[in-house]
Amino acid sequence: MKITSLLLLCIITASCYHKSELKYENGRVVEKQYFPDTRQLVTGTGFSSKGSVIITTHQIGEDEKYMVIFQCDHGVVFSINRSDIYGSLEKGDRVQIEYFEMLNGDNEVKDLDFVNATKL
């Protein structure tokens, strides 16, 4: 049983990525956008197929977002949703971006994992 579980874990994680060493890239903040919390609890009423009254509640809307949009000096544009970064940077700021490359088993870059952005 342990071998089967280990084999299954290996198959599942084979598609996972591993991180490169910490990398740095210069760029700038091209935009900042704040979206307030719009979550609401709403109640609905209806009837079942047997004629009973049904009362339901649903959560609608989204959590607040602190979007910061960066452009790296080599042209890549990406955004993050972090209030600490939003509060420490302004539109137009030059920044040093810290990130990891997410590599597959063949060491091909498949994604980037943002760590931080520091004002230059």
Protein backbone atom coordinates (compact mmCIF):
# COMPACT_ATOMS: atom_id res chain seq x y z
CA MET A 1 0.00 0.00 0.00
CA LYS A 2 2.84 2.42 0.83
CA ILE A 3 4.43 1.85 -2.59
CA THR A 4 1.14 2.58 -4.36
CA SER A 5 0.69 5.80 -2.37
CA LEU A 6 4.28 6.84 -3.07
CA LEU A 7 3.86 6.10 -6.78
CA LEU A 8 0.65 8.14 -6.90
CA LEU A 9 2.38 11.04 -5.12
CA CYS A 10 5.25 10.90 -7.62
CA ILE A 11 2.83 10.96 -10.57
CA ILE A 12 0.93 13.92 -9.12
CA THR A 13 4.06 15.90 -8.31
CA ALA A 14 5.80 15.06 -11.60
CA SER A 15 3.82 17.85 -13.22
CA CYS A 16 4.82 20.28 -10.46
CA TYR A 17 7.49 22.88 -10.86
CA HIS A 18 10.60 23.68 -8.88
CA LYS A 19 11.92 27.17 -8.18
CA SER A 20 15.06 28.73 -9.60
CA GLU A 21 17.39 30.81 -7.50
CA LEU A 22 16.01 34.26 -6.60
CA LYS A 23 16.15 36.54 -9.65
CA TYR A 24 16.02 40.32 -10.04
CA GLU A 25 14.64 42.51 -12.81
CA ASN A 26 14.23 46.27 -13.05
CA GLY A 27 10.91 47.72 -14.12
CA ARG A 28 8.29 50.31 -13.28
CA VAL A 29 4.80 50.62 -11.85
CA VAL A 30 2.50 51.40 -14.77
CA GLU A 31 -0.79 51.49 -12.85
CA LYS A 32 -2.42 50.99 -9.47
CA GLN A 33 -6.07 50.14 -8.95
CA TYR A 34 -8.07 49.63 -5.79
CA PHE A 35 -11.34 47.69 -5.84
CA PRO A 36 -13.39 47.87 -2.61
CA ASP A 37 -15.01 44.89 -0.97
CA THR A 38 -18.35 44.32 -2.72
CA ARG A 39 -19.38 41.15 -0.88
CA GLN A 40 -23.02 41.00 0.20
CA LEU A 41 -25.20 38.33 1.68
CA VAL A 42 -28.45 38.05 -0.28
CA THR A 43 -31.53 36.00 0.42
CA GLY A 44 -33.63 34.25 -2.19
CA THR A 45 -36.94 32.48 -1.99
CA GLY A 46 -38.49 29.86 -4.19
CA PHE A 47 -40.58 26.73 -4.26
CA SER A 48 -39.54 23.10 -4.38
CA SER A 49 -41.10 20.67 -6.83
CA LYS A 50 -43.35 19.53 -3.94
CA GLY A 51 -44.63 23.05 -3.32
CA SER A 52 -42.57 23.81 -0.19
CA VAL A 53 -41.15 27.30 0.26
CA ILE A 54 -37.35 27.34 0.08
CA ILE A 55 -35.27 30.18 1.50
CA THR A 56 -31.61 30.39 0.49
CA THR A 57 -28.75 32.75 1.22
CA HIS A 58 -25.84 33.44 -1.12
CA GLN A 59 -22.63 35.41 -0.86
CA ILE A 60 -22.13 37.60 -3.95
CA GLY A 61 -19.42 40.08 -4.85
CA GLU A 62 -15.66 40.00 -4.36
CA ASP A 63 -13.09 40.76 -1.68
CA GLU A 64 -11.20 44.04 -1.90
CA LYS A 65 -8.25 44.05 -4.29
CA TYR A 66 -5.06 46.09 -4.34
CA MET A 67 -3.82 45.69 -7.92
CA VAL A 68 -0.37 46.90 -8.90
CA ILE A 69 0.59 46.56 -12.56
CA PHE A 70 4.30 46.33 -13.41
CA GLN A 71 6.22 46.43 -16.66
CA CYS A 72 9.66 44.86 -16.64
CA ASP A 73 12.41 46.57 -18.60
CA HIS A 74 12.33 43.68 -21.11
CA GLY A 75 8.62 44.37 -21.77
CA VAL A 76 6.69 41.79 -19.71
CA VAL A 77 3.58 43.26 -18.06
CA PHE A 78 2.00 41.57 -15.03
CA SER A 79 -0.12 42.43 -12.02
CA ILE A 80 -0.22 41.43 -8.37
CA ASN A 81 -2.85 41.81 -5.67
CA ARG A 82 -1.00 42.77 -2.48
CA SER A 83 -1.95 45.60 -0.14
CA ASP A 84 1.61 45.98 1.22
CA ILE A 85 3.02 46.59 -2.27
CA TYR A 86 0.08 48.83 -3.20
CA GLY A 87 0.74 51.04 -0.16
CA SER A 88 4.49 51.32 -0.68
CA LEU A 89 4.63 52.19 -4.39
CA GLU A 90 3.24 54.90 -6.66
CA LYS A 91 2.44 54.92 -10.35
CA GLY A 92 5.64 55.66 -12.29
CA ASP A 93 8.02 54.39 -9.58
CA ARG A 94 11.11 52.56 -10.81
CA VAL A 95 11.42 49.24 -8.98
CA GLN A 96 13.60 46.20 -8.60
CA ILE A 97 11.39 43.13 -8.91
CA GLU A 98 12.34 39.94 -7.07
CA TYR A 99 10.96 36.66 -8.39
CA PHE A 100 11.55 32.97 -8.88
CA GLU A 101 11.27 31.20 -12.20
CA MET A 102 9.08 28.11 -11.94
CA LEU A 103 10.79 25.35 -13.90
CA ASN A 104 9.43 22.03 -15.09
CA GLY A 105 11.37 18.75 -15.03
CA ASP A 106 13.25 19.79 -18.18
CA ASN A 107 14.24 23.12 -16.55
CA GLU A 108 12.00 25.07 -18.92
CA VAL A 109 10.49 28.26 -17.46
CA LYS A 110 6.73 27.73 -17.15
CA ASP A 111 5.73 30.50 -14.76
CA LEU A 112 7.09 33.27 -12.55
CA ASP A 113 6.54 33.55 -8.80
CA PHE A 114 6.57 37.20 -7.66
CA VAL A 115 8.32 37.84 -4.32
CA ASN A 116 8.68 41.61 -3.87
CA ALA A 117 9.21 44.95 -5.57
CA THR A 118 11.51 47.54 -4.02
CA LYS A 119 11.51 51.20 -5.04
CA LEU A 120 14.81 52.26 -6.67
